[in-house]
Amino acid sequence: MTSGGVVRLLNTSGGPVLALAGDVDLPAVEAFLLRYGREPARVDVIDARSATSLSPSAVTLIRDHLRSSQLAGRRVALLQ
């Protein structure tokens, strides 16, 4: 079964973005972790505006990135 969602790291002129789109389920999160690794990436924005649904694993991924940024003393915009 294939996932209908994607999670990607994008390099934009405004800085790095964690982008979530579609039905972000466990397979989408696992594909992201295989591609980018388990360590939260340094991002300036988390953009979930194109996500139609977020699984518990997707929420955990977002929280991990927010927590990592907070511990580093950085602010991250969360777009939803």
N, C-alpha and C. Protein backbone atom coordinates (compact mmCIF):
# COMPACT_ATOMS: atom_id res chain seq x y z
N MET A 1 0.84 -1.18 0.00
CA MET A 1 0.00 0.00 0.00
C MET A 1 0.88 1.24 0.00
N THR A 2 0.62 2.18 -0.87
CA THR A 2 1.41 3.39 -0.94
C THR A 2 0.72 4.51 -0.19
N SER A 3 1.53 5.42 0.29
CA SER A 3 1.03 6.55 1.05
C SER A 3 0.54 7.63 0.10
N GLY A 4 -0.45 8.37 0.52
CA GLY A 4 -0.94 9.50 -0.27
C GLY A 4 -0.33 10.80 0.18
N GLY A 5 0.61 10.74 1.11
CA GLY A 5 1.20 11.96 1.63
C GLY A 5 2.70 11.99 1.44
N VAL A 6 3.25 13.19 1.60
CA VAL A 6 4.70 13.36 1.50
C VAL A 6 5.19 14.30 2.59
N VAL A 7 6.43 14.07 2.98
CA VAL A 7 7.13 14.97 3.89
C VAL A 7 8.47 15.23 3.24
N ARG A 8 8.83 16.50 3.07
CA ARG A 8 10.08 16.85 2.41
C ARG A 8 10.74 18.02 3.11
N LEU A 9 12.05 18.10 2.93
CA LEU A 9 12.80 19.28 3.33
C LEU A 9 13.03 20.09 2.07
N LEU A 10 12.65 21.35 2.11
CA LEU A 10 12.81 22.23 0.96
C LEU A 10 13.75 23.37 1.31
N ASN A 11 14.63 23.70 0.39
CA ASN A 11 15.49 24.88 0.55
C ASN A 11 14.83 26.02 -0.21
N THR A 12 14.39 27.04 0.52
CA THR A 12 13.72 28.18 -0.10
C THR A 12 14.51 29.44 0.18
N SER A 13 14.16 30.52 -0.49
CA SER A 13 14.83 31.79 -0.26
C SER A 13 14.59 32.30 1.17
N GLY A 14 13.52 31.82 1.80
CA GLY A 14 13.21 32.19 3.18
C GLY A 14 13.82 31.26 4.21
N GLY A 15 14.60 30.29 3.75
CA GLY A 15 15.24 29.34 4.66
C GLY A 15 14.66 27.95 4.47
N PRO A 16 15.20 26.98 5.22
CA PRO A 16 14.75 25.59 5.08
C PRO A 16 13.34 25.39 5.63
N VAL A 17 12.57 24.57 4.92
CA VAL A 17 11.17 24.32 5.26
C VAL A 17 10.93 22.81 5.36
N LEU A 18 10.26 22.39 6.42
CA LEU A 18 9.74 21.03 6.53
C LEU A 18 8.32 21.12 5.98
N ALA A 19 8.07 20.49 4.83
CA ALA A 19 6.78 20.59 4.16
C ALA A 19 6.05 19.25 4.24
N LEU A 20 4.79 19.30 4.65
CA LEU A 20 3.94 18.12 4.74
C LEU A 20 2.73 18.34 3.84
N ALA A 21 2.41 17.32 3.03
CA ALA A 21 1.28 17.46 2.11
C ALA A 21 0.53 16.15 1.99
N GLY A 22 -0.77 16.26 1.75
CA GLY A 22 -1.62 15.08 1.56
C GLY A 22 -1.92 14.38 2.87
N ASP A 23 -2.18 13.09 2.78
CA ASP A 23 -2.49 12.25 3.94
C ASP A 23 -1.17 11.76 4.51
N VAL A 24 -0.64 12.49 5.47
CA VAL A 24 0.69 12.18 6.01
C VAL A 24 0.55 11.09 7.06
N ASP A 25 0.73 9.85 6.59
CA ASP A 25 0.57 8.68 7.43
C ASP A 25 1.94 8.09 7.79
N LEU A 26 1.93 6.97 8.47
CA LEU A 26 3.17 6.33 8.89
C LEU A 26 4.11 6.04 7.72
N PRO A 27 3.62 5.48 6.60
CA PRO A 27 4.54 5.24 5.48
C PRO A 27 5.20 6.53 4.96
N ALA A 28 4.47 7.64 4.95
CA ALA A 28 5.05 8.91 4.50
C ALA A 28 6.16 9.37 5.45
N VAL A 29 5.91 9.23 6.75
CA VAL A 29 6.91 9.61 7.75
C VAL A 29 8.12 8.69 7.66
N GLU A 30 7.89 7.39 7.52
CA GLU A 30 9.00 6.45 7.40
C GLU A 30 9.85 6.72 6.16
N ALA A 31 9.21 7.07 5.06
CA ALA A 31 9.94 7.40 3.83
C ALA A 31 10.81 8.65 4.06
N PHE A 32 10.26 9.63 4.77
CA PHE A 32 11.03 10.83 5.11
C PHE A 32 12.24 10.47 5.96
N LEU A 33 12.03 9.66 6.99
CA LEU A 33 13.12 9.29 7.89
C LEU A 33 14.20 8.49 7.16
N LEU A 34 13.81 7.64 6.23
CA LEU A 34 14.79 6.89 5.45
C LEU A 34 15.62 7.83 4.57
N ARG A 35 14.98 8.83 4.02
CA ARG A 35 15.66 9.76 3.10
C ARG A 35 16.54 10.77 3.84
N TYR A 36 16.03 11.32 4.95
CA TYR A 36 16.71 12.43 5.62
C TYR A 36 17.33 12.07 6.97
N GLY A 37 17.01 10.91 7.52
CA GLY A 37 17.54 10.52 8.82
C GLY A 37 16.60 10.87 9.95
N ARG A 38 16.90 10.33 11.12
CA ARG A 38 16.02 10.50 12.29
C ARG A 38 16.27 11.79 13.06
N GLU A 39 17.44 12.38 12.89
CA GLU A 39 17.77 13.62 13.60
C GLU A 39 16.93 14.77 13.03
N PRO A 40 16.23 15.53 13.89
CA PRO A 40 15.45 16.66 13.37
C PRO A 40 16.35 17.64 12.60
N ALA A 41 15.85 18.07 11.46
CA ALA A 41 16.59 19.01 10.63
C ALA A 41 16.42 20.43 11.16
N ARG A 42 17.40 21.27 10.88
CA ARG A 42 17.27 22.68 11.22
C ARG A 42 16.38 23.33 10.16
N VAL A 43 15.21 23.77 10.60
CA VAL A 43 14.26 24.40 9.69
C VAL A 43 13.81 25.73 10.27
N ASP A 44 13.40 26.63 9.38
CA ASP A 44 12.84 27.92 9.79
C ASP A 44 11.32 27.90 9.77
N VAL A 45 10.76 26.99 8.98
CA VAL A 45 9.31 26.92 8.80
C VAL A 45 8.89 25.45 8.75
N ILE A 46 7.77 25.15 9.38
CA ILE A 46 7.09 23.87 9.20
C ILE A 46 5.76 24.21 8.54
N ASP A 47 5.59 23.74 7.31
CA ASP A 47 4.41 24.08 6.52
C ASP A 47 3.53 22.85 6.35
N ALA A 48 2.41 22.83 7.06
CA ALA A 48 1.46 21.71 6.98
C ALA A 48 0.16 22.15 6.32
N ARG A 49 0.18 23.30 5.62
CA ARG A 49 -1.06 23.81 5.02
C ARG A 49 -1.62 22.90 3.94
N SER A 50 -0.78 22.11 3.29
CA SER A 50 -1.26 21.22 2.22
C SER A 50 -1.57 19.82 2.74
N ALA A 51 -1.40 19.60 4.03
CA ALA A 51 -1.72 18.29 4.61
C ALA A 51 -3.23 18.16 4.79
N THR A 52 -3.76 17.03 4.33
CA THR A 52 -5.19 16.79 4.51
C THR A 52 -5.46 16.04 5.81
N SER A 53 -4.47 15.29 6.28
CA SER A 53 -4.56 14.64 7.59
C SER A 53 -3.15 14.33 8.08
N LEU A 54 -3.01 14.28 9.40
CA LEU A 54 -1.73 13.98 10.04
C LEU A 54 -1.91 12.79 10.97
N SER A 55 -1.13 11.75 10.74
CA SER A 55 -1.15 10.58 11.62
C SER A 55 -0.41 10.92 12.91
N PRO A 56 -0.55 10.09 13.93
CA PRO A 56 0.23 10.33 15.16
C PRO A 56 1.74 10.40 14.89
N SER A 57 2.24 9.62 13.95
CA SER A 57 3.68 9.68 13.64
C SER A 57 4.06 11.01 12.99
N ALA A 58 3.16 11.59 12.21
CA ALA A 58 3.41 12.90 11.61
C ALA A 58 3.43 13.98 12.68
N VAL A 59 2.51 13.91 13.62
CA VAL A 59 2.47 14.88 14.72
C VAL A 59 3.76 14.77 15.55
N THR A 60 4.21 13.55 15.79
CA THR A 60 5.46 13.35 16.53
C THR A 60 6.64 13.95 15.77
N LEU A 61 6.67 13.78 14.46
CA LEU A 61 7.74 14.35 13.64
C LEU A 61 7.76 15.87 13.77
N ILE A 62 6.59 16.49 13.70
CA ILE A 62 6.50 17.95 13.84
C ILE A 62 6.96 18.37 15.23
N ARG A 63 6.47 17.70 16.26
CA ARG A 63 6.86 18.04 17.63
C ARG A 63 8.36 17.88 17.84
N ASP A 64 8.96 16.83 17.27
CA ASP A 64 10.41 16.64 17.39
C ASP A 64 11.18 17.81 16.77
N HIS A 65 10.73 18.27 15.62
CA HIS A 65 11.40 19.41 14.98
C HIS A 65 11.20 20.70 15.79
N LEU A 66 10.01 20.90 16.32
CA LEU A 66 9.76 22.08 17.15
C LEU A 66 10.60 22.04 18.43
N ARG A 67 10.64 20.88 19.07
CA ARG A 67 11.41 20.72 20.31
C ARG A 67 12.90 20.95 20.07
N SER A 68 13.43 20.39 19.00
CA SER A 68 14.84 20.57 18.66
C SER A 68 15.16 22.04 18.44
N SER A 69 14.29 22.74 17.74
CA SER A 69 14.50 24.17 17.50
C SER A 69 14.43 24.96 18.79
N GLN A 70 13.49 24.63 19.64
CA GLN A 70 13.34 25.31 20.92
C GLN A 70 14.59 25.11 21.78
N LEU A 71 15.10 23.89 21.83
CA LEU A 71 16.31 23.61 22.61
C LEU A 71 17.53 24.35 22.07
N ALA A 72 17.53 24.62 20.77
CA ALA A 72 18.63 25.36 20.14
C ALA A 72 18.42 26.87 20.23
N GLY A 73 17.30 27.29 20.80
CA GLY A 73 17.03 28.72 20.95
C GLY A 73 16.55 29.38 19.67
N ARG A 74 16.01 28.60 18.75
CA ARG A 74 15.54 29.14 17.48
C ARG A 74 14.02 29.11 17.44
N ARG A 75 13.45 30.07 16.74
CA ARG A 75 12.00 30.09 16.53
C ARG A 75 11.68 29.52 15.16
N VAL A 76 10.61 28.75 15.12
CA VAL A 76 10.16 28.13 13.88
C VAL A 76 8.71 28.53 13.65
N ALA A 77 8.42 29.00 12.44
CA ALA A 77 7.03 29.32 12.08
C ALA A 77 6.32 28.02 11.75
N LEU A 78 5.14 27.84 12.31
CA LEU A 78 4.30 26.67 12.02
C LEU A 78 3.09 27.14 11.24
N LEU A 79 3.04 26.75 9.97
CA LEU A 79 1.94 27.13 9.09
C LEU A 79 0.99 25.96 8.98
N GLN A 80 -0.29 26.20 9.34
CA GLN A 80 -1.27 25.12 9.30
C GLN A 80 -2.57 25.58 8.74
